[in-house]
Amino acid sequence: MKFSEFGLTATLLEGLEAMRFENATPIQEQAIPAIMEGKDMLACAQTGTGKTAAFLLPVLHRITENPPAGIDTLIIVPTRELAMQIDRELEGFSYFTPVSAIPIYGGRDGHSMELERSALKKGASIVIVTPGRFIAHLDLGYVDLTKVRHLILDEADRMLDMGFSQDIMKIVSTMPRSRQTLMFSATMPPQIRKFAKELLRDPVEISISISKPAENIRQLAFEVEDEAKYPLVERLLAERSHMERVIIFAGAKIKVREVANRLAQRGMKVGAIHSDLEQFEREERLLAFRNGSLPIVVATDVLSRGIDVKGIDLVINFDVPGDAEDYVHRIGRTARAEAMGEAITFINRKDRIRFGRIEKLIGRVIEKERIADTGGSGDNRDNRRRDQRPPRRDNAPRKSGPGEQSGPPKNSNRNRWNKKKSGSGPRPQSGPKPSE
């Protein structure tokens, strides 16, 4: 279905045409008409399906046709990164419209707080917020939500997991009951349905492509104990030094710092992203990653959702995610817009049952290789599954492989991860896409 068939205003179609977007995704085909009819919605759609455009375009259409007198639309999201992403997409879609918008999230200086306060008092048309920061404004008494027509909860499951349910209900209590409420979630556990019953009125329900990674992602797993993960990740990156962007996901902030420091000591250009960083540091590293000057990022699940970075070649799960759905979101960072991608997961002995749940969820068994714990060796070519190699005699000499080197690979000045190489520099970025 083409965007021109939805009956959107000319200014919105002009913006979509400028960004060379013509055909809608399945979530957009189902959601846009229902939202334009004023119906509440409960939609299950993971990142990459185009859900952001699905709720932004009909809201922008209504605001353009019937300009509000104050804050018209409140979009609540779990993370700063998602707030920034939605704001970027909104800027592209609304380029030819008079709609005003502001993202509100924590981790910035007092000057940002003052700019947010000013925009809220003047009544920006669309406000994109993280719950904690917005409540700080709400408690100061100058935020008027009595004219809100649209409330949108994006990644509602993640917000409940992060303990934001009470904050959300506090915000909702200041809004008119006659509003239109849209709830988008990547998963649909019982607590989401219970939460939806409290907020939605006779909602339209939509479910799109749940829990299935893109077919063009090559998935591979290594059975490896924790001590051997570090040399293994070093070897894998050395073998893939032609790749331009790599995300490594770790399960905790301390592990993120350890992995990033280890790779930096090996001469690789790498940055860590986690919640302990100042907001300007996170934004700076994301920008460097986006423009190609920082090829490797190590992160917590804060980056598994809500970022739109094109051209990610490889995702490495240094730790198996705690939730099977998070695996889908993590590896969904690669193979965007029909490009090819690769996802590699490290599985220690304790994680095998958990990874089995992931395989059950995605409906396939992932190819695995076993890496023996050899005191730091990461050479899987000498340590494949035991049933794939003949037994070694006790007195047989052992060969050392490239994964056993203690330093960076030879000719490391040719390795694109090495800091001595300047890289190709920033690349021009296209506008935001409805497919996120």
Protein backbone atom coordinates (compact mmCIF):
# COMPACT_ATOMS: atom_id res chain seq x y z
CA MET A 1 0.00 0.00 0.00
CA LYS A 2 1.32 3.46 -0.88
CA PHE A 3 1.42 6.33 1.63
CA SER A 4 -0.58 8.44 -0.81
CA GLU A 5 -3.56 6.09 -0.27
CA PHE A 6 -3.98 6.89 3.45
CA GLY A 7 -5.41 10.37 2.92
CA LEU A 8 -2.52 12.11 4.72
CA THR A 9 -2.12 15.87 4.36
CA ALA A 10 -0.14 17.24 1.43
CA THR A 11 2.63 18.54 3.68
CA LEU A 12 3.21 15.06 5.17
CA LEU A 13 3.24 13.45 1.73
CA GLU A 14 5.71 16.10 0.61
CA GLY A 15 8.03 15.14 3.45
CA LEU A 16 7.71 11.42 2.67
CA GLU A 17 8.39 12.08 -1.00
CA ALA A 18 11.49 14.11 -0.12
CA MET A 19 12.75 11.13 1.87
CA ARG A 20 11.88 8.80 -1.05
CA PHE A 21 9.38 6.72 0.90
CA GLU A 22 6.53 5.33 -1.12
CA ASN A 23 5.24 2.00 0.23
CA ALA A 24 4.03 1.32 3.78
CA THR A 25 5.11 -1.63 5.92
CA PRO A 26 2.51 -4.13 7.26
CA ILE A 27 2.29 -2.44 10.69
CA GLN A 28 1.74 0.92 8.99
CA GLU A 29 -0.95 -0.50 6.68
CA GLN A 30 -2.92 -1.78 9.66
CA ALA A 31 -2.25 0.93 12.23
CA ILE A 32 -2.47 4.22 10.31
CA PRO A 33 -6.14 3.93 9.19
CA ALA A 34 -7.30 2.81 12.66
CA ILE A 35 -5.42 5.64 14.40
CA MET A 36 -6.81 8.17 11.93
CA GLU A 37 -10.28 6.93 12.89
CA GLY A 38 -9.53 7.82 16.53
CA LYS A 39 -9.39 4.29 17.91
CA ASP A 40 -7.23 3.16 20.82
CA MET A 41 -4.63 0.56 19.90
CA LEU A 42 -2.63 -2.29 21.42
CA ALA A 43 0.07 -3.28 18.93
CA CYS A 44 2.71 -5.97 19.23
CA ALA A 45 5.54 -5.12 16.85
CA GLN A 46 9.26 -5.36 17.33
CA THR A 47 11.89 -2.84 16.32
CA GLY A 48 12.44 -2.67 12.59
CA THR A 49 8.80 -3.13 11.53
CA GLY A 50 8.11 0.58 11.05
CA LYS A 51 6.03 1.15 14.18
CA THR A 52 7.39 4.66 14.82
CA ALA A 53 6.03 5.98 11.54
CA ALA A 54 2.83 4.00 12.17
CA PHE A 55 1.94 6.23 15.12
CA LEU A 56 3.70 9.47 14.13
CA LEU A 57 2.14 9.96 10.69
CA PRO A 58 -1.56 9.84 11.73
CA VAL A 59 -0.84 12.05 14.76
CA LEU A 60 0.97 14.58 12.57
CA HIS A 61 -1.94 14.45 10.13
CA ARG A 62 -4.44 15.36 12.86
CA ILE A 63 -2.26 18.12 14.32
CA THR A 64 -1.70 19.62 10.86
CA GLU A 65 -5.41 19.63 10.04
CA ASN A 66 -6.51 20.76 13.50
CA PRO A 67 -3.72 22.67 15.28
CA PRO A 68 -3.77 22.31 19.10
CA ALA A 69 -3.79 25.08 21.68
CA GLY A 70 -1.27 23.35 23.97
CA ILE A 71 0.50 20.02 24.40
CA ASP A 72 -1.36 17.70 22.04
CA THR A 73 0.63 14.45 22.07
CA LEU A 74 2.71 12.84 24.80
CA ILE A 75 4.99 9.96 23.78
CA ILE A 76 6.45 8.03 26.73
CA VAL A 77 9.51 5.83 26.11
CA PRO A 78 11.86 3.83 28.37
CA THR A 79 15.27 5.18 27.29
CA ARG A 80 17.02 8.35 26.21
CA GLU A 81 18.22 6.67 23.01
CA LEU A 82 14.66 5.85 21.93
CA ALA A 83 13.52 9.40 22.72
CA MET A 84 16.30 10.79 20.52
CA GLN A 85 15.51 8.35 17.71
CA ILE A 86 11.80 9.22 17.66
CA ASP A 87 12.68 12.91 17.72
CA ARG A 88 14.93 12.47 14.66
CA GLU A 89 12.24 10.62 12.75
CA LEU A 90 9.65 13.19 13.76
CA GLU A 91 11.86 15.97 12.46
CA GLY A 92 11.99 14.32 9.05
CA PHE A 93 8.27 13.56 8.77
CA SER A 94 7.19 17.03 9.97
CA TYR A 95 9.74 19.03 7.98
CA PHE A 96 7.10 20.77 5.84
CA THR A 97 4.56 21.15 8.67
CA PRO A 98 4.28 23.77 11.45
CA VAL A 99 4.38 21.10 14.19
CA SER A 100 6.64 21.84 17.19
CA ALA A 101 8.22 19.04 19.26
CA ILE A 102 10.77 18.48 22.00
CA PRO A 103 12.43 15.39 23.52
CA ILE A 104 12.74 15.38 27.31
CA TYR A 105 15.15 12.98 28.99
CA GLY A 106 17.62 12.95 31.85
CA GLY A 107 21.39 13.09 31.99
CA ARG A 108 21.77 16.61 30.64
CA ASP A 109 22.80 19.90 32.23
CA GLY A 110 20.68 22.59 33.86
CA HIS A 111 20.48 24.59 30.62
CA SER A 112 18.65 21.69 28.96
CA MET A 113 16.21 21.58 31.88
CA GLU A 114 15.45 25.25 31.33
CA LEU A 115 14.86 24.75 27.59
CA GLU A 116 12.51 21.88 28.37
CA ARG A 117 10.65 23.98 30.93
CA SER A 118 10.18 26.77 28.38
CA ALA A 119 8.86 24.40 25.70
CA LEU A 120 6.43 22.78 28.15
CA LYS A 121 5.08 26.11 29.36
CA LYS A 122 4.56 27.31 25.78
CA GLY A 123 2.83 24.04 24.88
CA ALA A 124 4.90 22.18 22.26
CA SER A 125 2.62 20.11 20.03
CA ILE A 126 4.46 16.81 20.61
CA VAL A 127 6.51 15.96 23.68
CA ILE A 128 8.67 12.79 23.78
CA VAL A 129 9.68 11.87 27.33
CA THR A 130 11.32 9.37 29.61
CA PRO A 131 9.17 8.99 32.75
CA GLY A 132 11.62 10.11 35.45
CA ARG A 133 12.68 13.35 33.80
CA PHE A 134 9.13 14.29 32.87
CA ILE A 135 7.84 13.74 36.40
CA ALA A 136 10.52 16.15 37.62
CA HIS A 137 8.87 18.80 35.41
CA LEU A 138 5.36 17.68 36.33
CA ASP A 139 6.08 18.05 40.05
CA LEU A 140 7.12 21.68 39.55
CA GLY A 141 3.56 22.57 38.57
CA TYR A 142 3.89 24.28 35.18
CA VAL A 143 3.02 21.34 32.89
CA ASP A 144 -0.54 21.42 31.54
CA LEU A 145 -1.74 18.11 30.08
CA THR A 146 -5.45 18.91 30.10
CA LYS A 147 -5.57 19.38 26.31
CA VAL A 148 -3.70 16.18 25.39
CA ARG A 149 -5.44 14.29 22.60
CA HIS A 150 -2.91 11.49 22.08
CA LEU A 151 -0.98 9.38 24.60
CA ILE A 152 1.53 6.96 23.09
CA LEU A 153 3.47 4.35 25.05
CA ASP A 154 6.33 2.92 23.01
CA GLU A 155 8.11 -0.26 24.14
CA ALA A 156 5.63 -0.64 26.97
CA ASP A 157 7.02 -4.05 27.95
CA ARG A 158 10.45 -2.55 28.53
CA MET A 159 8.99 0.25 30.65
CA LEU A 160 7.21 -2.25 32.89
CA ASP A 161 10.42 -4.29 33.19
CA MET A 162 12.23 -1.12 34.29
CA GLY A 163 9.63 -0.40 36.97
CA PHE A 164 7.99 2.64 35.38
CA SER A 165 4.36 1.56 35.80
CA GLN A 166 3.66 3.86 38.79
CA ASP A 167 5.32 6.82 37.07
CA ILE A 168 3.22 6.24 33.97
CA MET A 169 0.00 6.07 35.96
CA LYS A 170 0.93 9.28 37.75
CA ILE A 171 1.39 11.04 34.41
CA VAL A 172 -1.82 9.57 33.00
CA SER A 173 -3.83 10.79 36.00
CA THR A 174 -3.26 14.40 34.88
CA MET A 175 -4.72 13.82 31.39
CA PRO A 176 -8.29 13.92 30.08
CA ARG A 177 -10.07 10.56 29.83
CA SER A 178 -11.25 11.42 26.33
CA ARG A 179 -7.75 11.10 24.88
CA GLN A 180 -6.71 8.50 22.29
CA THR A 181 -4.19 6.02 23.73
CA LEU A 182 -1.82 3.91 21.68
CA MET A 183 0.34 1.21 23.25
CA PHE A 184 3.17 -0.45 21.34
CA SER A 185 5.07 -3.42 22.76
CA ALA A 186 7.58 -5.89 21.35
CA THR A 187 6.15 -8.68 23.51
CA MET A 188 2.71 -9.37 24.94
CA PRO A 189 3.12 -10.92 28.41
CA PRO A 190 0.12 -11.02 30.78
CA GLN A 191 1.22 -7.88 32.66
CA ILE A 192 1.07 -5.86 29.42
CA ARG A 193 -2.51 -6.94 28.78
CA LYS A 194 -3.42 -6.10 32.37
CA PHE A 195 -1.79 -2.70 32.01
CA ALA A 196 -3.56 -2.12 28.70
CA LYS A 197 -6.96 -2.75 30.31
CA GLU A 198 -6.31 0.12 32.70
CA LEU A 199 -5.41 2.59 29.95
CA LEU A 200 -7.18 1.61 26.72
CA ARG A 201 -10.81 1.75 25.68
CA ASP A 202 -11.99 -1.00 23.32
CA PRO A 203 -8.63 -1.07 21.52
CA VAL A 204 -7.84 -2.38 18.08
CA GLU A 205 -5.24 -5.16 18.44
CA ILE A 206 -2.43 -5.68 15.94
CA SER A 207 0.35 -8.25 15.99
CA ILE A 208 3.21 -8.11 13.48
CA SER A 209 6.20 -10.45 13.05
CA ILE A 210 6.72 -11.39 16.67
CA SER A 211 9.99 -12.96 17.78
CA LYS A 212 11.44 -13.85 14.39
CA PRO A 213 14.85 -12.47 13.41
CA ALA A 214 15.36 -11.37 9.82
CA GLU A 215 16.17 -14.22 7.44
CA ASN A 216 19.26 -12.41 6.17
CA ILE A 217 21.04 -12.60 9.54
CA ARG A 218 23.64 -15.39 9.71
CA GLN A 219 23.43 -16.71 13.27
CA LEU A 220 26.27 -18.62 14.91
CA ALA A 221 27.07 -19.60 18.51
CA PHE A 222 30.23 -20.64 20.33
CA GLU A 223 30.09 -22.85 23.40
CA VAL A 224 32.82 -21.20 25.44
CA GLU A 225 33.54 -20.61 29.12
CA ASP A 226 34.03 -17.09 30.41
CA GLU A 227 37.84 -17.23 30.58
CA ALA A 228 38.10 -18.00 26.86
CA LYS A 229 35.61 -15.35 25.70
CA TYR A 230 38.16 -12.53 25.60
CA PRO A 231 40.68 -14.13 23.24
CA LEU A 232 37.77 -15.42 21.15
CA VAL A 233 36.23 -12.00 20.65
CA GLU A 234 39.67 -10.60 19.76
CA ARG A 235 40.17 -13.29 17.13
CA LEU A 236 36.69 -12.87 15.65
CA LEU A 237 37.19 -9.12 15.29
CA ALA A 238 40.63 -9.61 13.74
CA GLU A 239 39.13 -12.04 11.20
CA ARG A 240 36.38 -9.51 10.38
CA SER A 241 38.50 -6.37 10.30
CA HIS A 242 36.83 -5.33 7.03
CA MET A 243 33.53 -4.79 8.83
CA GLU A 244 32.62 -1.15 9.43
CA ARG A 245 30.31 -1.30 12.46
CA VAL A 246 30.13 -3.89 15.23
CA ILE A 247 28.05 -3.94 18.43
CA ILE A 248 29.10 -6.20 21.32
CA PHE A 249 26.40 -6.74 23.94
CA ALA A 250 27.39 -7.62 27.52
CA GLY A 251 25.08 -8.41 30.41
CA ALA A 252 26.31 -5.84 32.94
CA LYS A 253 27.95 -2.42 33.03
CA ILE A 254 31.12 -3.75 34.63
CA LYS A 255 31.45 -6.37 31.88
CA VAL A 256 30.94 -3.67 29.23
CA ARG A 257 33.86 -1.71 30.66
CA GLU A 258 36.05 -4.82 30.93
CA VAL A 259 35.45 -5.88 27.32
CA ALA A 260 35.97 -2.35 25.97
CA ASN A 261 39.18 -1.90 27.97
CA ARG A 262 40.53 -5.26 26.84
CA LEU A 263 39.91 -4.48 23.17
CA ALA A 264 41.35 -0.97 23.53
CA GLN A 265 44.52 -2.47 25.02
CA ARG A 266 44.80 -4.57 21.87
CA GLY A 267 44.83 -1.40 19.78
CA MET A 268 41.22 -1.46 18.60
CA LYS A 269 39.04 1.63 18.24
CA VAL A 270 36.22 0.87 20.65
CA GLY A 271 33.77 2.76 22.87
CA ALA A 272 31.61 1.65 25.81
CA ILE A 273 27.98 2.77 26.19
CA HIS A 274 26.11 2.20 29.45
CA SER A 275 23.87 4.10 31.85
CA ASP A 276 26.72 5.35 34.07
CA LEU A 277 28.01 7.65 31.33
CA GLU A 278 27.03 11.29 31.16
CA GLN A 279 24.44 11.91 28.47
CA PHE A 280 26.82 13.97 26.31
CA GLU A 281 29.31 11.07 26.37
CA ARG A 282 26.68 8.60 25.21
CA GLU A 283 25.51 10.92 22.45
CA GLU A 284 29.09 11.59 21.36
CA ARG A 285 29.92 7.90 21.09
CA LEU A 286 26.67 7.08 19.30
CA LEU A 287 27.36 9.85 16.78
CA ALA A 288 30.89 8.52 16.21
CA PHE A 289 29.48 5.01 15.74
CA ARG A 290 26.80 6.28 13.39
CA ASN A 291 29.21 8.23 11.17
CA GLY A 292 31.75 5.42 11.08
CA SER A 293 34.62 6.97 13.04
CA LEU A 294 34.09 4.53 15.95
CA PRO A 295 33.77 1.02 14.44
CA ILE A 296 33.20 -0.99 17.63
CA VAL A 297 30.75 -0.29 20.46
CA VAL A 298 30.35 -2.41 23.59
CA ALA A 299 27.00 -1.84 25.28
CA THR A 300 24.37 -3.10 27.67
CA ASP A 301 20.82 -3.75 26.46
CA VAL A 302 20.30 0.02 26.46
CA LEU A 303 21.26 -0.26 22.77
CA SER A 304 19.25 -3.38 21.97
CA ARG A 305 16.20 -1.25 21.25
CA GLY A 306 15.52 2.22 20.09
CA ILE A 307 18.57 3.07 17.99
CA ASP A 308 18.59 3.51 14.25
CA VAL A 309 22.12 3.04 12.94
CA LYS A 310 22.48 1.88 9.37
CA GLY A 311 25.14 -0.53 8.21
CA ILE A 312 25.80 -2.60 11.36
CA ASP A 313 27.64 -5.64 10.04
CA LEU A 314 28.03 -7.75 13.15
CA VAL A 315 26.39 -8.21 16.55
CA ILE A 316 28.25 -10.22 19.20
CA ASN A 317 26.43 -11.39 22.30
CA PHE A 318 29.34 -11.62 24.76
CA ASP A 319 26.74 -12.83 27.26
CA VAL A 320 23.48 -14.63 26.49
CA PRO A 321 20.63 -12.18 27.20
CA GLY A 322 18.42 -12.91 30.19
CA ASP A 323 15.22 -12.75 28.14
CA ALA A 324 14.73 -14.61 24.87
CA GLU A 325 12.99 -11.59 23.31
CA ASP A 326 16.08 -9.49 24.02
CA TYR A 327 18.07 -11.80 21.76
CA VAL A 328 15.77 -10.90 18.88
CA HIS A 329 16.15 -7.20 19.62
CA ARG A 330 19.93 -7.42 19.94
CA ILE A 331 20.58 -9.22 16.69
CA GLY A 332 17.92 -7.09 15.00
CA ARG A 333 20.44 -4.23 15.06
CA THR A 334 22.08 -5.83 12.02
CA ALA A 335 20.65 -6.75 8.60
CA ARG A 336 18.46 -3.64 8.44
CA ALA A 337 16.78 -2.58 5.20
CA GLU A 338 17.34 -6.01 3.62
CA ALA A 339 21.13 -5.87 4.08
CA MET A 340 23.05 -8.95 5.16
CA GLY A 341 24.26 -9.27 8.76
CA GLU A 342 25.93 -11.64 11.18
CA ALA A 343 25.11 -12.42 14.82
CA ILE A 344 27.43 -14.43 17.09
CA THR A 345 26.60 -15.55 20.63
CA PHE A 346 28.94 -16.85 23.34
CA ILE A 347 27.33 -19.59 25.48
CA ASN A 348 28.89 -20.73 28.72
CA ARG A 349 27.83 -23.88 30.57
CA LYS A 350 25.27 -22.05 32.71
CA ASP A 351 23.63 -20.40 29.68
CA ARG A 352 22.86 -23.51 27.64
CA ILE A 353 19.31 -23.91 28.95
CA ARG A 354 18.66 -20.20 28.47
CA PHE A 355 19.94 -20.35 24.90
CA GLY A 356 17.70 -23.34 24.31
CA ARG A 357 14.72 -21.14 25.16
CA ILE A 358 15.94 -18.64 22.57
CA GLU A 359 16.11 -21.35 19.91
CA LYS A 360 12.61 -22.47 20.83
CA LEU A 361 11.34 -18.90 20.55
CA ILE A 362 12.84 -18.24 17.12
CA GLY A 363 11.95 -21.71 15.86
CA ARG A 364 15.40 -22.88 14.79
CA VAL A 365 18.58 -24.49 16.10
CA ILE A 366 21.63 -22.23 15.81
CA GLU A 367 24.86 -23.65 14.44
CA LYS A 368 27.39 -24.07 17.26
CA GLU A 369 31.11 -24.54 17.66
CA ARG A 370 32.78 -25.57 20.90
CA ILE A 371 35.79 -23.69 22.24
CA ALA A 372 37.71 -25.60 24.91
CA ASP A 373 38.92 -23.74 27.99
CA THR A 374 42.65 -23.80 27.30
CA GLY A 375 43.80 -21.08 29.63
CA GLY A 376 43.04 -18.23 27.30
CA SER A 377 43.18 -19.83 23.86
CA GLY A 378 40.53 -18.65 21.47
CA ASP A 379 41.50 -20.85 18.51
CA ASN A 380 38.41 -22.81 17.72
CA ARG A 381 40.07 -24.49 14.76
CA ASP A 382 42.00 -26.63 17.24
CA ASN A 383 38.99 -26.90 19.57
CA ARG A 384 35.92 -27.82 17.55
CA ARG A 385 33.30 -30.23 18.83
CA ARG A 386 35.00 -33.39 20.02
CA ASP A 387 32.99 -35.51 17.62
CA GLN A 388 34.42 -33.54 14.69
CA ARG A 389 38.10 -34.33 15.36
CA PRO A 390 40.17 -37.42 16.20
CA PRO A 391 41.33 -37.83 19.81
CA ARG A 392 44.78 -36.39 20.58
CA ARG A 393 47.36 -38.59 22.23
CA ASP A 394 48.53 -37.45 25.64
CA ASN A 395 52.08 -37.02 24.41
CA ALA A 396 51.16 -35.39 21.12
CA PRO A 397 52.67 -31.96 20.62
CA ARG A 398 50.16 -29.22 20.76
CA LYS A 399 49.98 -26.61 18.03
CA SER A 400 49.46 -23.01 18.92
CA GLY A 401 46.97 -21.13 16.83
CA PRO A 402 46.56 -17.46 16.04
CA GLY A 403 44.03 -17.15 18.84
CA GLU A 404 46.80 -17.81 21.39
CA GLN A 405 48.78 -14.70 20.59
CA SER A 406 48.91 -12.37 23.57
CA GLY A 407 49.06 -9.12 21.63
CA PRO A 408 47.37 -7.62 18.61
CA PRO A 409 47.53 -9.52 15.31
CA LYS A 410 50.62 -9.19 13.15
CA ASN A 411 50.45 -6.36 10.64
CA SER A 412 47.99 -4.71 13.01
CA ASN A 413 48.64 -1.39 11.28
CA ARG A 414 46.53 -2.80 8.44
CA ASN A 415 43.69 -3.72 10.76
CA ARG A 416 40.81 -1.27 10.43
CA TRP A 417 40.11 -1.60 14.15
CA ASN A 418 43.59 -0.29 14.97
CA LYS A 419 43.80 3.26 16.24
CA LYS A 420 46.67 4.09 13.88
CA LYS A 421 44.32 3.93 10.95
CA SER A 422 42.14 6.98 10.50
CA GLY A 423 39.21 5.21 8.86
CA SER A 424 37.07 6.44 6.03
CA GLY A 425 35.58 9.34 7.95
CA PRO A 426 31.96 10.34 8.39
CA ARG A 427 29.46 9.17 5.86
CA PRO A 428 26.48 11.15 4.70
CA GLN A 429 23.34 10.00 6.50
CA SER A 430 19.93 9.65 4.94
CA GLY A 431 16.80 10.91 6.63
CA PRO A 432 14.78 8.87 9.10
CA LYS A 433 12.94 5.90 7.68
CA PRO A 434 9.49 4.62 8.49
CA SER A 435 11.03 1.19 9.00
CA GLU A 436 13.04 2.57 11.95
